[in-house]
Amino acid sequence: MYKESLPSDDDLIRDGKYWSTDCTLKEVDIPTGFLTSNINRLDCSGIVVNVATDRYDMAISAYDKSKNQE
């Protein structure tokens, strides 16, 4: 049985920080098919990384909120 779990707040903040500071957003909300999530394409120091748009948005939001709480 497969169960997808939501990432923890710490994971989201860590990913959001990495994607915000070390990566450049190249393409946004790329459709990938009927039953799959759209993706954002990032360039992270010359490495192309595809991230589900929903996860990217959650991570960036969590990172921004963590910066405001400091």
C-alpha atoms as a PDB file:
ATOM      1  CA  MET A   1       0.000   0.000   0.000  1.00  0.00           C
ATOM      2  CA  TYR A   2       1.324   3.427  -0.959  1.00  0.00           C
ATOM      3  CA  LYS A   3       0.670   6.420   1.249  1.00  0.00           C
ATOM      4  CA  GLU A   4       1.993   9.823   0.286  1.00  0.00           C
ATOM      5  CA  SER A   5       2.857  11.881   3.324  1.00  0.00           C
ATOM      6  CA  LEU A   6       3.067  15.627   3.513  1.00  0.00           C
ATOM      7  CA  PRO A   7       6.518  17.077   4.057  1.00  0.00           C
ATOM      8  CA  SER A   8       7.279  18.465   7.510  1.00  0.00           C
ATOM      9  CA  ASP A   9       7.503  22.215   8.074  1.00  0.00           C
ATOM     10  CA  ASP A  10      11.271  21.884   8.555  1.00  0.00           C
ATOM     11  CA  ASP A  11      11.603  20.084   5.210  1.00  0.00           C
ATOM     12  CA  LEU A  12       9.530  22.748   3.468  1.00  0.00           C
ATOM     13  CA  ILE A  13      11.551  25.587   5.006  1.00  0.00           C
ATOM     14  CA  ARG A  14      14.854  23.890   4.081  1.00  0.00           C
ATOM     15  CA  ASP A  15      13.715  23.275   0.490  1.00  0.00           C
ATOM     16  CA  GLY A  16      12.235  26.771   0.189  1.00  0.00           C
ATOM     17  CA  LYS A  17      15.493  28.338   1.361  1.00  0.00           C
ATOM     18  CA  TYR A  18      17.523  26.247  -1.083  1.00  0.00           C
ATOM     19  CA  TRP A  19      15.239  26.941  -4.029  1.00  0.00           C
ATOM     20  CA  SER A  20      15.057  30.674  -3.188  1.00  0.00           C
ATOM     21  CA  THR A  21      18.761  31.253  -2.675  1.00  0.00           C
ATOM     22  CA  ASP A  22      20.620  28.677  -4.793  1.00  0.00           C
ATOM     23  CA  CYS A  23      18.275  28.210  -7.749  1.00  0.00           C
ATOM     24  CA  THR A  24      16.777  30.237 -10.575  1.00  0.00           C
ATOM     25  CA  LEU A  25      13.179  29.562 -11.580  1.00  0.00           C
ATOM     26  CA  LYS A  26      13.257  28.882 -15.332  1.00  0.00           C
ATOM     27  CA  GLU A  27       9.733  27.637 -16.143  1.00  0.00           C
ATOM     28  CA  VAL A  28       6.535  27.747 -14.109  1.00  0.00           C
ATOM     29  CA  ASP A  29       3.527  25.414 -13.923  1.00  0.00           C
ATOM     30  CA  ILE A  30       4.512  23.080 -16.759  1.00  0.00           C
ATOM     31  CA  PRO A  31       1.720  20.576 -17.489  1.00  0.00           C
ATOM     32  CA  THR A  32       2.908  16.971 -17.266  1.00  0.00           C
ATOM     33  CA  GLY A  33      -0.224  15.007 -17.982  1.00  0.00           C
ATOM     34  CA  PHE A  34      -3.764  14.315 -16.909  1.00  0.00           C
ATOM     35  CA  LEU A  35      -3.096  12.449 -13.653  1.00  0.00           C
ATOM     36  CA  THR A  36       0.162  14.115 -12.595  1.00  0.00           C
ATOM     37  CA  SER A  37       1.022  17.416 -10.951  1.00  0.00           C
ATOM     38  CA  ASN A  38       2.365  20.328 -12.934  1.00  0.00           C
ATOM     39  CA  ILE A  39       6.027  21.121 -12.345  1.00  0.00           C
ATOM     40  CA  ASN A  40       8.317  24.108 -12.030  1.00  0.00           C
ATOM     41  CA  ARG A  41      11.726  23.820 -13.660  1.00  0.00           C
ATOM     42  CA  LEU A  42      14.651  25.256 -11.695  1.00  0.00           C
ATOM     43  CA  ASP A  43      18.317  25.772 -12.519  1.00  0.00           C
ATOM     44  CA  CYS A  44      20.335  24.993  -9.385  1.00  0.00           C
ATOM     45  CA  SER A  45      24.004  25.751 -10.101  1.00  0.00           C
ATOM     46  CA  GLY A  46      23.749  24.316 -13.604  1.00  0.00           C
ATOM     47  CA  ILE A  47      21.640  21.321 -12.604  1.00  0.00           C
ATOM     48  CA  VAL A  48      18.058  21.283 -13.880  1.00  0.00           C
ATOM     49  CA  VAL A  49      15.609  20.305 -11.142  1.00  0.00           C
ATOM     50  CA  ASN A  50      11.907  19.603 -11.690  1.00  0.00           C
ATOM     51  CA  VAL A  51       9.722  20.268  -8.651  1.00  0.00           C
ATOM     52  CA  ALA A  52       5.969  19.758  -8.334  1.00  0.00           C
ATOM     53  CA  THR A  53       4.390  23.221  -8.476  1.00  0.00           C
ATOM     54  CA  ASP A  54       2.326  22.612  -5.318  1.00  0.00           C
ATOM     55  CA  ARG A  55       5.382  21.560  -3.302  1.00  0.00           C
ATOM     56  CA  TYR A  56       7.425  24.493  -4.635  1.00  0.00           C
ATOM     57  CA  ASP A  57       4.685  26.963  -3.664  1.00  0.00           C
ATOM     58  CA  MET A  58       4.307  25.417  -0.180  1.00  0.00           C
ATOM     59  CA  ALA A  59       8.080  25.448   0.393  1.00  0.00           C
ATOM     60  CA  ILE A  60       8.578  29.053  -0.723  1.00  0.00           C
ATOM     61  CA  SER A  61       5.629  30.160   1.420  1.00  0.00           C
ATOM     62  CA  ALA A  62       6.961  28.276   4.482  1.00  0.00           C
ATOM     63  CA  TYR A  63      10.430  29.779   4.001  1.00  0.00           C
ATOM     64  CA  ASP A  64       9.023  33.311   3.629  1.00  0.00           C
ATOM     65  CA  LYS A  65       6.956  32.877   6.800  1.00  0.00           C
ATOM     66  CA  SER A  66       9.999  31.587   8.710  1.00  0.00           C
ATOM     67  CA  LYS A  67      12.011  34.665   7.655  1.00  0.00           C
ATOM     68  CA  ASN A  68       9.231  36.952   8.916  1.00  0.00           C
ATOM     69  CA  GLN A  69       9.213  35.212  12.322  1.00  0.00           C
ATOM     70  CA  GLU A  70      12.926  35.740  12.957  1.00  0.00           C
END
